Amino acid sequence: MQEREIRAFVTIADARRMDRAAQQLGYSQPAISYQIKCLEKSLRTKLFERTPEGVRLTESGARSLPAAREMLILMERMKRISGVGGNSGANGVTSELDQPHTSDNQRGNPLPHGWRSAGAKSDPPSSRTAPMSTPASS
């Protein structure tokens, strides 16, 4: 469960349309649909029903929405405490995730730049370390 998935869930619930929520968050509609799919998989429940007018929360989605809002508030509080700032975003909660992404996320890679999936052949660059040298004894 990722913050961007929770933020997408709350924004879609408020907008009642995936295209409007995607626009508010600076994502494409396929990207925001994928975020909801991932969140639904994590929660093992369907959160929205599609309608001709947009989307409607399922019973499970309606029960989950207050907790999702609380999670976003707590995440923002943690960011403020740690000194990580953000911009005011949708739903009255601030986050750097409200800014449009122009990195690997637009190319279909949900991992941060430089990271590889579990099946990748090499480790992320940051996990590689040089061999440790031992001090010469006198």
N, C-alpha and C. Protein backbone atom coordinates (compact mmCIF):
# COMPACT_ATOMS: atom_id res chain seq x y z
N MET A 1 0.85 -1.17 0.00
CA MET A 1 0.00 0.00 0.00
C MET A 1 0.90 1.24 0.00
N GLN A 2 0.73 2.06 -1.00
CA GLN A 2 1.54 3.25 -1.19
C GLN A 2 0.72 4.51 -0.93
N GLU A 3 1.41 5.57 -0.53
CA GLU A 3 0.71 6.84 -0.29
C GLU A 3 0.00 7.31 -1.56
N ARG A 4 0.64 7.18 -2.71
CA ARG A 4 0.01 7.66 -3.95
C ARG A 4 -1.27 6.88 -4.25
N GLU A 5 -1.33 5.61 -3.88
CA GLU A 5 -2.54 4.81 -4.08
C GLU A 5 -3.66 5.30 -3.17
N ILE A 6 -3.32 5.57 -1.94
CA ILE A 6 -4.32 6.06 -0.96
C ILE A 6 -4.81 7.44 -1.38
N ARG A 7 -3.87 8.29 -1.82
CA ARG A 7 -4.24 9.64 -2.27
C ARG A 7 -5.14 9.56 -3.50
N ALA A 8 -4.85 8.65 -4.41
CA ALA A 8 -5.69 8.46 -5.60
C ALA A 8 -7.08 8.01 -5.18
N PHE A 9 -7.17 7.07 -4.25
CA PHE A 9 -8.45 6.58 -3.76
C PHE A 9 -9.30 7.72 -3.19
N VAL A 10 -8.72 8.54 -2.33
CA VAL A 10 -9.46 9.64 -1.71
C VAL A 10 -9.87 10.67 -2.76
N THR A 11 -8.98 10.99 -3.68
CA THR A 11 -9.27 12.00 -4.70
C THR A 11 -10.37 11.52 -5.65
N ILE A 12 -10.32 10.25 -6.04
CA ILE A 12 -11.37 9.69 -6.90
C ILE A 12 -12.70 9.69 -6.16
N ALA A 13 -12.70 9.30 -4.90
CA ALA A 13 -13.94 9.29 -4.12
C ALA A 13 -14.56 10.68 -4.06
N ASP A 14 -13.73 11.70 -3.91
CA ASP A 14 -14.23 13.08 -3.85
C ASP A 14 -14.71 13.58 -5.21
N ALA A 15 -13.95 13.28 -6.26
CA ALA A 15 -14.29 13.77 -7.61
C ALA A 15 -15.38 12.94 -8.27
N ARG A 16 -15.51 11.69 -7.86
CA ARG A 16 -16.46 10.73 -8.42
C ARG A 16 -16.24 10.44 -9.90
N ARG A 17 -15.04 10.81 -10.36
CA ARG A 17 -14.64 10.51 -11.75
C ARG A 17 -13.14 10.30 -11.77
N MET A 18 -12.71 9.24 -12.42
CA MET A 18 -11.28 8.95 -12.48
C MET A 18 -10.53 9.99 -13.31
N ASP A 19 -11.13 10.45 -14.41
CA ASP A 19 -10.44 11.41 -15.25
C ASP A 19 -10.20 12.72 -14.51
N ARG A 20 -11.18 13.19 -13.75
CA ARG A 20 -11.00 14.43 -12.99
C ARG A 20 -9.96 14.26 -11.88
N ALA A 21 -10.01 13.12 -11.20
CA ALA A 21 -9.03 12.85 -10.14
C ALA A 21 -7.63 12.78 -10.73
N ALA A 22 -7.50 12.12 -11.87
CA ALA A 22 -6.19 12.03 -12.52
C ALA A 22 -5.66 13.42 -12.86
N GLN A 23 -6.53 14.27 -13.38
CA GLN A 23 -6.14 15.63 -13.73
C GLN A 23 -5.71 16.40 -12.48
N GLN A 24 -6.47 16.27 -11.39
CA GLN A 24 -6.13 16.97 -10.14
C GLN A 24 -4.76 16.55 -9.61
N LEU A 25 -4.44 15.28 -9.77
CA LEU A 25 -3.18 14.76 -9.23
C LEU A 25 -2.02 14.82 -10.22
N GLY A 26 -2.32 15.19 -11.47
CA GLY A 26 -1.27 15.28 -12.47
C GLY A 26 -0.86 13.94 -13.05
N TYR A 27 -1.76 12.97 -13.02
CA TYR A 27 -1.51 11.64 -13.57
C TYR A 27 -2.35 11.44 -14.82
N SER A 28 -2.00 10.43 -15.58
CA SER A 28 -2.87 10.01 -16.68
C SER A 28 -3.96 9.13 -16.08
N GLN A 29 -5.06 8.97 -16.81
CA GLN A 29 -6.14 8.11 -16.30
C GLN A 29 -5.67 6.66 -16.16
N PRO A 30 -4.90 6.11 -17.13
CA PRO A 30 -4.42 4.73 -16.92
C PRO A 30 -3.55 4.59 -15.67
N ALA A 31 -2.76 5.61 -15.36
CA ALA A 31 -1.90 5.54 -14.17
C ALA A 31 -2.74 5.51 -12.89
N ILE A 32 -3.77 6.33 -12.83
CA ILE A 32 -4.59 6.37 -11.62
C ILE A 32 -5.43 5.10 -11.51
N SER A 33 -5.87 4.56 -12.63
CA SER A 33 -6.59 3.28 -12.62
C SER A 33 -5.69 2.17 -12.10
N TYR A 34 -4.43 2.19 -12.51
CA TYR A 34 -3.47 1.20 -12.04
C TYR A 34 -3.24 1.32 -10.53
N GLN A 35 -3.17 2.55 -10.03
CA GLN A 35 -2.98 2.76 -8.59
C GLN A 35 -4.14 2.17 -7.80
N ILE A 36 -5.36 2.36 -8.31
CA ILE A 36 -6.54 1.79 -7.63
C ILE A 36 -6.51 0.28 -7.72
N LYS A 37 -6.14 -0.25 -8.86
CA LYS A 37 -6.03 -1.70 -9.00
C LYS A 37 -5.05 -2.27 -7.98
N CYS A 38 -3.91 -1.62 -7.81
CA CYS A 38 -2.91 -2.08 -6.84
C CYS A 38 -3.45 -2.00 -5.41
N LEU A 39 -4.14 -0.91 -5.09
CA LEU A 39 -4.70 -0.75 -3.74
C LEU A 39 -5.77 -1.81 -3.49
N GLU A 40 -6.62 -2.04 -4.48
CA GLU A 40 -7.66 -3.07 -4.33
C GLU A 40 -7.03 -4.45 -4.14
N LYS A 41 -5.94 -4.70 -4.82
CA LYS A 41 -5.24 -5.99 -4.66
C LYS A 41 -4.67 -6.10 -3.24
N SER A 42 -4.07 -5.02 -2.75
CA SER A 42 -3.52 -5.02 -1.39
C SER A 42 -4.61 -5.24 -0.34
N LEU A 43 -5.74 -4.59 -0.54
CA LEU A 43 -6.85 -4.68 0.42
C LEU A 43 -7.74 -5.89 0.19
N ARG A 44 -7.57 -6.52 -0.97
CA ARG A 44 -8.39 -7.69 -1.35
C ARG A 44 -9.88 -7.36 -1.37
N THR A 45 -10.17 -6.19 -1.91
CA THR A 45 -11.57 -5.77 -2.04
C THR A 45 -11.70 -4.76 -3.17
N LYS A 46 -12.88 -4.66 -3.74
CA LYS A 46 -13.17 -3.68 -4.78
C LYS A 46 -13.62 -2.40 -4.09
N LEU A 47 -13.04 -1.28 -4.48
CA LEU A 47 -13.34 0.00 -3.84
C LEU A 47 -14.36 0.84 -4.60
N PHE A 48 -14.42 0.66 -5.94
CA PHE A 48 -15.31 1.46 -6.77
C PHE A 48 -16.10 0.58 -7.72
N GLU A 49 -17.28 1.07 -8.08
CA GLU A 49 -18.08 0.52 -9.17
C GLU A 49 -18.12 1.59 -10.24
N ARG A 50 -17.93 1.20 -11.47
CA ARG A 50 -18.04 2.16 -12.57
C ARG A 50 -19.51 2.37 -12.93
N THR A 51 -19.85 3.62 -13.20
CA THR A 51 -21.21 3.98 -13.61
C THR A 51 -21.10 4.84 -14.86
N PRO A 52 -22.21 5.06 -15.57
CA PRO A 52 -22.16 5.95 -16.74
C PRO A 52 -21.69 7.37 -16.38
N GLU A 53 -21.94 7.78 -15.14
CA GLU A 53 -21.56 9.13 -14.71
C GLU A 53 -20.13 9.20 -14.18
N GLY A 54 -19.51 8.07 -13.90
CA GLY A 54 -18.16 8.06 -13.34
C GLY A 54 -17.95 6.82 -12.49
N VAL A 55 -17.71 7.03 -11.21
CA VAL A 55 -17.54 5.90 -10.29
C VAL A 55 -18.35 6.13 -9.02
N ARG A 56 -18.64 5.04 -8.35
CA ARG A 56 -19.36 5.09 -7.07
C ARG A 56 -18.61 4.16 -6.12
N LEU A 57 -18.48 4.58 -4.87
CA LEU A 57 -17.83 3.74 -3.86
C LEU A 57 -18.66 2.47 -3.63
N THR A 58 -17.97 1.35 -3.50
CA THR A 58 -18.64 0.14 -3.05
C THR A 58 -18.86 0.27 -1.55
N GLU A 59 -19.57 -0.67 -0.96
CA GLU A 59 -19.75 -0.65 0.49
C GLU A 59 -18.39 -0.70 1.19
N SER A 60 -17.51 -1.55 0.70
CA SER A 60 -16.17 -1.67 1.26
C SER A 60 -15.38 -0.38 1.08
N GLY A 61 -15.53 0.25 -0.08
CA GLY A 61 -14.86 1.52 -0.33
C GLY A 61 -15.34 2.60 0.62
N ALA A 62 -16.65 2.65 0.85
CA ALA A 62 -17.21 3.65 1.76
C ALA A 62 -16.71 3.43 3.19
N ARG A 63 -16.56 2.17 3.58
CA ARG A 63 -16.04 1.89 4.93
C ARG A 63 -14.55 2.23 5.04
N SER A 64 -13.82 2.10 3.94
CA SER A 64 -12.38 2.34 3.93
C SER A 64 -12.00 3.82 3.82
N LEU A 65 -12.88 4.62 3.25
CA LEU A 65 -12.56 6.03 2.97
C LEU A 65 -12.15 6.83 4.21
N PRO A 66 -12.86 6.77 5.33
CA PRO A 66 -12.42 7.55 6.50
C PRO A 66 -11.02 7.17 6.97
N ALA A 67 -10.69 5.90 6.95
CA ALA A 67 -9.35 5.45 7.36
C ALA A 67 -8.30 5.96 6.38
N ALA A 68 -8.63 5.97 5.09
CA ALA A 68 -7.69 6.47 4.08
C ALA A 68 -7.41 7.96 4.31
N ARG A 69 -8.44 8.73 4.61
CA ARG A 69 -8.25 10.15 4.90
C ARG A 69 -7.35 10.34 6.12
N GLU A 70 -7.58 9.54 7.16
CA GLU A 70 -6.76 9.62 8.37
C GLU A 70 -5.31 9.26 8.07
N MET A 71 -5.11 8.25 7.23
CA MET A 71 -3.75 7.86 6.87
C MET A 71 -3.01 9.00 6.19
N LEU A 72 -3.67 9.70 5.28
CA LEU A 72 -3.02 10.82 4.59
C LEU A 72 -2.66 11.93 5.58
N ILE A 73 -3.54 12.20 6.52
CA ILE A 73 -3.26 13.22 7.53
C ILE A 73 -2.06 12.81 8.38
N LEU A 74 -2.02 11.55 8.79
CA LEU A 74 -0.89 11.07 9.59
C LEU A 74 0.42 11.10 8.80
N MET A 75 0.37 10.75 7.53
CA MET A 75 1.57 10.81 6.70
C MET A 75 2.10 12.23 6.60
N GLU A 76 1.20 13.17 6.43
CA GLU A 76 1.62 14.57 6.34
C GLU A 76 2.20 15.05 7.66
N ARG A 77 1.63 14.62 8.77
CA ARG A 77 2.16 14.98 10.08
C ARG A 77 3.58 14.43 10.24
N MET A 78 3.79 13.20 9.81
CA MET A 78 5.13 12.61 9.87
C MET A 78 6.12 13.40 9.02
N LYS A 79 5.68 13.84 7.85
CA LYS A 79 6.55 14.63 6.98
C LYS A 79 6.92 15.95 7.63
N ARG A 80 5.93 16.61 8.25
CA ARG A 80 6.21 17.88 8.93
C ARG A 80 7.20 17.67 10.06
N ILE A 81 7.02 16.62 10.83
CA ILE A 81 7.91 16.33 11.96
C ILE A 81 9.32 16.07 11.47
N SER A 82 9.45 15.35 10.36
CA SER A 82 10.77 15.01 9.85
C SER A 82 11.39 16.13 9.01
N GLY A 83 10.61 17.17 8.74
CA GLY A 83 11.13 18.29 7.97
C GLY A 83 10.93 18.17 6.48
N VAL A 84 10.22 17.14 6.03
CA VAL A 84 9.93 16.98 4.61
C VAL A 84 8.69 17.80 4.31
N GLY A 85 8.79 18.73 3.37
CA GLY A 85 7.65 19.57 3.05
C GLY A 85 6.95 19.13 1.80
N GLY A 86 5.84 19.76 1.52
CA GLY A 86 5.09 19.46 0.31
C GLY A 86 4.28 20.67 -0.08
N ASN A 87 3.57 20.55 -1.17
CA ASN A 87 2.70 21.62 -1.63
C ASN A 87 1.27 21.29 -1.29
N SER A 88 0.47 22.31 -1.06
CA SER A 88 -0.93 22.08 -0.75
C SER A 88 -1.58 21.37 -1.92
N GLY A 89 -2.29 20.29 -1.62
CA GLY A 89 -2.84 19.48 -2.69
C GLY A 89 -4.31 19.23 -2.52
N ALA A 90 -4.79 18.26 -3.25
CA ALA A 90 -6.19 17.88 -3.22
C ALA A 90 -6.56 17.40 -1.83
N ASN A 91 -7.77 17.58 -1.46
CA ASN A 91 -8.33 17.09 -0.21
C ASN A 91 -7.75 17.78 1.02
N GLY A 92 -7.14 18.97 0.85
CA GLY A 92 -6.63 19.71 1.98
C GLY A 92 -5.41 19.09 2.63
N VAL A 93 -4.79 18.14 1.97
CA VAL A 93 -3.60 17.48 2.50
C VAL A 93 -2.46 17.81 1.56
N THR A 94 -1.27 18.07 2.11
CA THR A 94 -0.15 18.45 1.27
C THR A 94 0.80 17.29 1.06
N SER A 95 1.39 17.27 -0.12
CA SER A 95 2.37 16.23 -0.42
C SER A 95 3.10 16.55 -1.69
N GLU A 96 4.36 16.11 -1.76
CA GLU A 96 5.09 16.23 -3.01
C GLU A 96 4.50 15.31 -4.06
N LEU A 97 3.68 14.35 -3.66
CA LEU A 97 3.05 13.46 -4.62
C LEU A 97 1.94 14.14 -5.40
N ASP A 98 1.54 15.34 -4.97
CA ASP A 98 0.55 16.09 -5.71
C ASP A 98 1.14 16.69 -6.98
N GLN A 99 2.48 16.70 -7.07
CA GLN A 99 3.13 17.27 -8.24
C GLN A 99 3.16 16.22 -9.36
N PRO A 100 3.01 16.65 -10.61
CA PRO A 100 3.07 15.70 -11.72
C PRO A 100 4.43 15.00 -11.74
N HIS A 101 4.40 13.73 -12.06
CA HIS A 101 5.62 12.94 -12.14
C HIS A 101 6.09 12.91 -13.59
N THR A 102 7.39 13.09 -13.77
CA THR A 102 7.95 13.01 -15.11
C THR A 102 9.07 11.98 -15.15
N SER A 103 9.10 11.09 -14.18
CA SER A 103 10.17 10.10 -14.10
C SER A 103 9.70 8.76 -14.63
N ASP A 104 10.23 7.70 -14.06
CA ASP A 104 9.92 6.35 -14.48
C ASP A 104 8.44 6.04 -14.39
N ASN A 105 7.68 6.73 -13.54
CA ASN A 105 6.26 6.43 -13.39
C ASN A 105 5.50 6.61 -14.70
N GLN A 106 5.88 7.58 -15.52
CA GLN A 106 5.18 7.79 -16.78
C GLN A 106 5.56 6.74 -17.82
N ARG A 107 6.66 6.04 -17.60
CA ARG A 107 7.06 4.98 -18.51
C ARG A 107 6.56 3.63 -18.03
N GLY A 108 5.67 3.62 -17.03
CA GLY A 108 5.09 2.37 -16.56
C GLY A 108 5.90 1.70 -15.47
N ASN A 109 6.95 2.33 -14.95
CA ASN A 109 7.74 1.76 -13.88
C ASN A 109 7.35 2.44 -12.58
N PRO A 110 6.63 1.75 -11.67
CA PRO A 110 6.18 2.39 -10.44
C PRO A 110 7.28 2.52 -9.40
N LEU A 111 8.49 1.99 -9.66
CA LEU A 111 9.57 2.06 -8.69
C LEU A 111 10.32 3.38 -8.84
N PRO A 112 10.93 3.87 -7.75
CA PRO A 112 11.72 5.10 -7.85
C PRO A 112 12.86 4.95 -8.83
N HIS A 113 13.31 6.07 -9.38
CA HIS A 113 14.39 6.08 -10.36
C HIS A 113 15.60 5.31 -9.84
N GLY A 114 16.13 4.43 -10.66
CA GLY A 114 17.32 3.68 -10.31
C GLY A 114 17.05 2.36 -9.61
N TRP A 115 15.82 2.10 -9.19
CA TRP A 115 15.48 0.84 -8.53
C TRP A 115 15.05 -0.16 -9.58
N ARG A 116 15.21 -1.41 -9.25
CA ARG A 116 14.79 -2.48 -10.15
C ARG A 116 13.83 -3.39 -9.42
N SER A 117 12.99 -4.06 -10.18
CA SER A 117 12.04 -5.00 -9.58
C SER A 117 12.79 -6.22 -9.06
N ALA A 118 12.11 -7.04 -8.27
CA ALA A 118 12.73 -8.21 -7.65
C ALA A 118 13.33 -9.15 -8.67
N GLY A 119 12.79 -9.20 -9.88
CA GLY A 119 13.29 -10.10 -10.91
C GLY A 119 14.45 -9.54 -11.72
N ALA A 120 14.87 -8.31 -11.42
CA ALA A 120 15.94 -7.68 -12.20
C ALA A 120 17.27 -8.37 -11.93
N LYS A 121 18.18 -8.25 -12.92
CA LYS A 121 19.45 -8.96 -12.83
C LYS A 121 20.48 -8.27 -11.96
N SER A 122 20.32 -6.99 -11.68
CA SER A 122 21.31 -6.30 -10.83
C SER A 122 20.61 -5.54 -9.72
N ASP A 123 21.35 -5.21 -8.70
CA ASP A 123 20.83 -4.47 -7.55
C ASP A 123 20.74 -2.99 -7.87
N PRO A 124 19.94 -2.25 -7.10
CA PRO A 124 19.91 -0.80 -7.29
C PRO A 124 21.31 -0.23 -7.06
N PRO A 125 21.67 0.85 -7.78
CA PRO A 125 23.00 1.42 -7.64
C PRO A 125 23.37 1.74 -6.19
N SER A 126 22.42 2.20 -5.39
CA SER A 126 22.71 2.60 -4.03
C SER A 126 23.04 1.43 -3.12
N SER A 127 22.71 0.19 -3.53
CA SER A 127 22.98 -0.95 -2.67
C SER A 127 24.35 -1.56 -2.93
N ARG A 128 25.02 -1.11 -3.97
CA ARG A 128 26.35 -1.62 -4.26
C ARG A 128 27.36 -0.89 -3.39
N THR A 129 28.24 -1.60 -2.77
CA THR A 129 29.26 -0.97 -1.94
C THR A 129 30.63 -1.46 -2.36
N ALA A 130 31.62 -0.62 -2.14
CA ALA A 130 33.00 -1.00 -2.45
C ALA A 130 33.49 -1.95 -1.37
N PRO A 131 34.43 -2.85 -1.71
CA PRO A 131 34.95 -3.75 -0.70
C PRO A 131 35.61 -2.95 0.41
N MET A 132 35.46 -3.44 1.63
CA MET A 132 36.06 -2.76 2.78
C MET A 132 37.52 -3.11 2.86
N SER A 133 38.33 -2.10 3.11
CA SER A 133 39.76 -2.35 3.29
C SER A 133 40.06 -2.38 4.77
N THR A 134 41.04 -3.14 5.15
CA THR A 134 41.43 -3.23 6.56
C THR A 134 42.64 -2.36 6.78
N PRO A 135 42.72 -1.69 7.93
CA PRO A 135 43.87 -0.82 8.18
C PRO A 135 45.14 -1.67 8.31
N ALA A 136 46.21 -1.10 7.82
CA ALA A 136 47.49 -1.80 7.90
C ALA A 136 47.96 -1.80 9.35
N SER A 137 48.45 -2.94 9.79
CA SER A 137 48.92 -3.02 11.18
C SER A 137 50.36 -2.51 11.26
N SER A 138 50.73 -1.89 12.38
CA SER A 138 52.07 -1.33 12.53
C SER A 138 52.96 -2.23 13.32
